[in-house]
Protein backbone atom coordinates (compact mmCIF):
# COMPACT_ATOMS: atom_id res chain seq x y z
CA SER A 1 262.11 188.62 -58.80
CA PHE A 2 259.07 187.99 -61.04
CA GLU A 3 257.61 191.49 -61.00
CA GLY A 4 258.53 195.12 -60.68
CA ARG A 5 259.21 198.41 -62.40
CA VAL A 6 261.03 197.89 -65.70
CA GLU A 7 264.31 199.73 -66.18
CA VAL A 8 266.86 199.63 -68.97
CA TYR A 9 270.57 200.33 -69.06
CA HIS A 10 271.67 202.51 -71.96
CA ASP A 11 274.72 204.62 -72.61
CA GLY A 12 276.08 204.15 -69.09
CA LYS A 13 272.89 204.92 -67.17
CA TRP A 14 269.78 203.18 -65.86
CA GLY A 15 266.37 204.64 -66.62
CA THR A 16 262.69 203.87 -66.67
CA ILE A 17 260.28 203.24 -69.53
CA CYS A 18 257.05 205.15 -70.04
CA ASP A 19 253.91 202.98 -70.12
CA ASP A 20 252.40 204.71 -73.17
CA GLN A 21 251.06 202.02 -75.57
CA TRP A 22 252.20 199.16 -73.30
CA ASP A 23 250.15 195.99 -73.09
CA ASP A 24 250.65 192.36 -72.07
CA ARG A 25 252.61 191.63 -75.27
CA ASP A 26 255.29 194.13 -74.25
CA ALA A 27 255.36 192.63 -70.74
CA GLU A 28 255.78 189.12 -72.18
CA VAL A 29 258.80 190.27 -74.20
CA VAL A 30 260.44 191.66 -71.06
CA CYS A 31 259.75 188.44 -69.13
CA ARG A 32 261.11 186.37 -72.02
CA GLN A 33 264.19 188.62 -72.15
CA LEU A 34 264.76 187.84 -68.46
CA GLY A 35 264.54 184.12 -69.17
CA LEU A 36 260.95 183.67 -67.97
CA SER A 37 258.70 181.85 -70.41
CA GLY A 38 255.19 182.10 -69.00
CA PRO A 39 252.43 184.67 -69.42
CA ALA A 40 252.90 188.25 -68.26
CA THR A 41 250.70 191.22 -67.51
CA LEU A 42 251.13 194.96 -67.34
CA ALA A 43 251.06 196.24 -63.76
CA SER A 44 248.40 198.69 -62.67
CA GLU A 45 249.43 202.25 -61.95
CA GLY A 46 250.77 202.47 -58.42
CA ASP A 47 251.66 198.76 -58.08
CA PHE A 48 255.35 199.74 -57.85
CA SER A 49 257.11 202.87 -56.73
CA ALA A 50 257.94 205.52 -59.29
CA GLY A 51 261.47 205.63 -60.61
CA GLN A 52 263.89 208.49 -60.32
CA GLY A 53 266.31 210.02 -62.74
CA PHE A 54 266.14 209.30 -66.44
CA ILE A 55 263.15 208.19 -68.48
CA LEU A 56 264.91 206.43 -71.36
CA LEU A 57 262.17 204.90 -73.53
CA ASP A 58 258.65 205.78 -74.63
CA ASP A 59 256.15 204.54 -77.20
CA VAL A 60 257.39 200.92 -77.03
CA ALA A 61 255.33 198.72 -79.33
CA CYS A 62 256.08 194.98 -79.36
CA THR A 63 254.28 192.37 -81.44
CA GLY A 64 254.96 189.80 -78.72
CA THR A 65 257.38 187.62 -80.68
CA GLU A 66 260.56 189.63 -80.04
CA LEU A 67 263.44 188.17 -78.01
CA SER A 68 264.38 191.56 -76.61
CA LEU A 69 262.59 194.78 -75.75
CA LEU A 70 265.13 196.52 -77.98
CA ASP A 71 263.75 194.59 -80.98
CA CYS A 72 260.43 196.39 -80.48
CA ALA A 73 259.60 199.71 -82.08
CA HIS A 74 260.23 202.60 -79.68
CA SER A 75 260.97 206.32 -79.59
CA ASP A 76 264.53 207.61 -79.69
CA TRP A 77 266.48 207.09 -76.47
CA GLY A 78 265.61 209.78 -73.93
CA GLN A 79 262.71 211.18 -76.00
CA HIS A 80 259.44 211.01 -74.05
CA ASP A 81 256.36 212.92 -73.00
CA CYS A 82 255.95 211.23 -69.61
CA SER A 83 256.53 211.63 -65.91
CA HIS A 84 257.66 208.95 -63.48
CA ALA A 85 253.99 208.43 -62.57
CA GLU A 86 253.85 206.59 -65.92
CA ASP A 87 256.81 204.23 -65.34
CA VAL A 88 255.98 200.78 -66.65
CA GLY A 89 255.78 197.82 -64.30
CA ILE A 90 255.09 194.19 -65.11
CA HIS A 91 254.10 190.90 -63.49
CA CYS A 92 255.71 187.74 -64.87
CA SER A 93 253.82 184.62 -63.84
CA PRO A 94 255.95 182.61 -61.36
CA GLU A 95 253.65 179.57 -61.53
CA SER A 96 254.39 178.83 -65.17
CA ASN A 97 257.75 180.51 -65.62
CA THR A 98 261.07 178.79 -65.36
CA ALA A 99 264.40 180.33 -64.46
CA VAL A 100 267.77 179.06 -63.35
CA ASN A 101 267.15 176.81 -60.34
CA GLY A 102 263.54 178.03 -60.46
CA ASN A 103 264.45 181.28 -58.68
CA LEU A 104 266.32 184.41 -59.65
CA GLY A 105 266.76 185.46 -56.00
CA ASN A 106 268.38 188.83 -55.44
CA SER A 107 269.46 189.80 -58.91
CA GLN A 108 270.72 192.59 -61.10
CA THR A 109 270.41 192.20 -64.86
CA SER A 110 271.97 194.00 -67.80
CA PHE A 111 271.57 193.74 -71.58
CA LEU A 112 274.91 193.11 -73.31
CA GLY A 113 274.21 193.90 -76.95
CA LYS A 114 272.46 192.97 -80.15
CA VAL A 115 273.05 189.22 -79.72
CA HIS A 116 270.50 189.09 -76.88
CA THR A 117 272.98 188.30 -74.14
CA PHE A 118 272.17 189.33 -70.58
CA LEU A 119 274.22 189.42 -67.43
CA LEU A 120 272.78 188.49 -64.05
CA LEU A 121 274.00 188.31 -60.46
CA VAL A 122 272.20 185.60 -58.46
CA ASP A 123 272.16 184.24 -54.91
CA GLY A 124 273.95 187.23 -53.38
CA GLU A 125 273.13 188.95 -50.12
CA SER A 126 272.03 191.98 -52.19
CA THR A 127 271.56 192.95 -55.84
CA LYS A 128 275.18 194.15 -55.87
CA GLU A 129 276.76 190.73 -55.44
CA GLY A 130 276.33 187.14 -56.49
CA ARG A 131 277.24 184.45 -58.95
CA VAL A 132 277.67 185.78 -62.52
CA GLU A 133 275.34 184.22 -65.07
CA VAL A 134 274.64 185.04 -68.70
CA PHE A 135 271.52 184.56 -70.82
CA LEU A 136 272.39 183.64 -74.39
CA ASN A 137 270.27 182.02 -77.09
CA GLY A 138 267.35 181.49 -74.72
CA GLN A 139 269.25 179.90 -71.83
CA TRP A 140 270.86 181.03 -68.57
CA GLY A 141 274.28 179.65 -67.68
CA SER A 142 276.99 180.20 -65.07
CA VAL A 143 280.29 181.84 -65.90
CA CYS A 144 283.38 179.85 -64.90
CA ASP A 145 285.75 181.82 -62.67
CA GLU A 146 288.91 180.19 -64.01
CA GLY A 147 291.37 182.92 -64.88
CA TRP A 148 289.10 185.67 -63.57
CA THR A 149 290.66 188.64 -61.81
CA ASP A 150 289.41 191.77 -60.12
CA ARG A 151 289.57 193.42 -63.56
CA ASP A 152 286.96 190.98 -64.89
CA ALA A 153 284.76 191.62 -61.85
CA ALA A 154 285.10 195.38 -62.43
CA VAL A 155 283.88 194.95 -66.03
CA VAL A 156 280.82 193.02 -64.82
CA CYS A 157 280.08 195.67 -62.21
CA ARG A 158 280.38 198.48 -64.77
CA GLN A 159 278.11 196.61 -67.20
CA LEU A 160 275.51 196.32 -64.43
CA GLY A 161 275.71 200.05 -63.80
CA PHE A 162 277.81 200.00 -60.63
CA ARG A 163 280.80 202.32 -60.47
């Protein structure tokens, strides 16, 4: 849960990010966006399997202070000159990072908009189930189930890219 290939959800689909111009500053922004505060490094080519499907971002250039990857300069969505051999992967440092209960477990995360809110499923048997948590203003928190129905669950599943 502290490392892997980076993917983004945009316009109803998940896709990878090309590693052109990526460095540790970009990786730190992604780790911070996931609620992890420690140092981060760019993965070496071949550390993680290549993605499939869409390549959604290229030429990402973060200064390192951004709260979200989407605050960084980048090419237009879907515009790239890459192959999946260039999918970006990162390593967030588990020794100095903190997350909810110190562990993200099996999780699925989604960006919810310009206010830097993220949705996460934790402690499930797979990445397709778990307790719903949100990341807002730099903190993770649980969502109370009072008044929730299957319709609410369906919205969460759609936001996470499940149909």
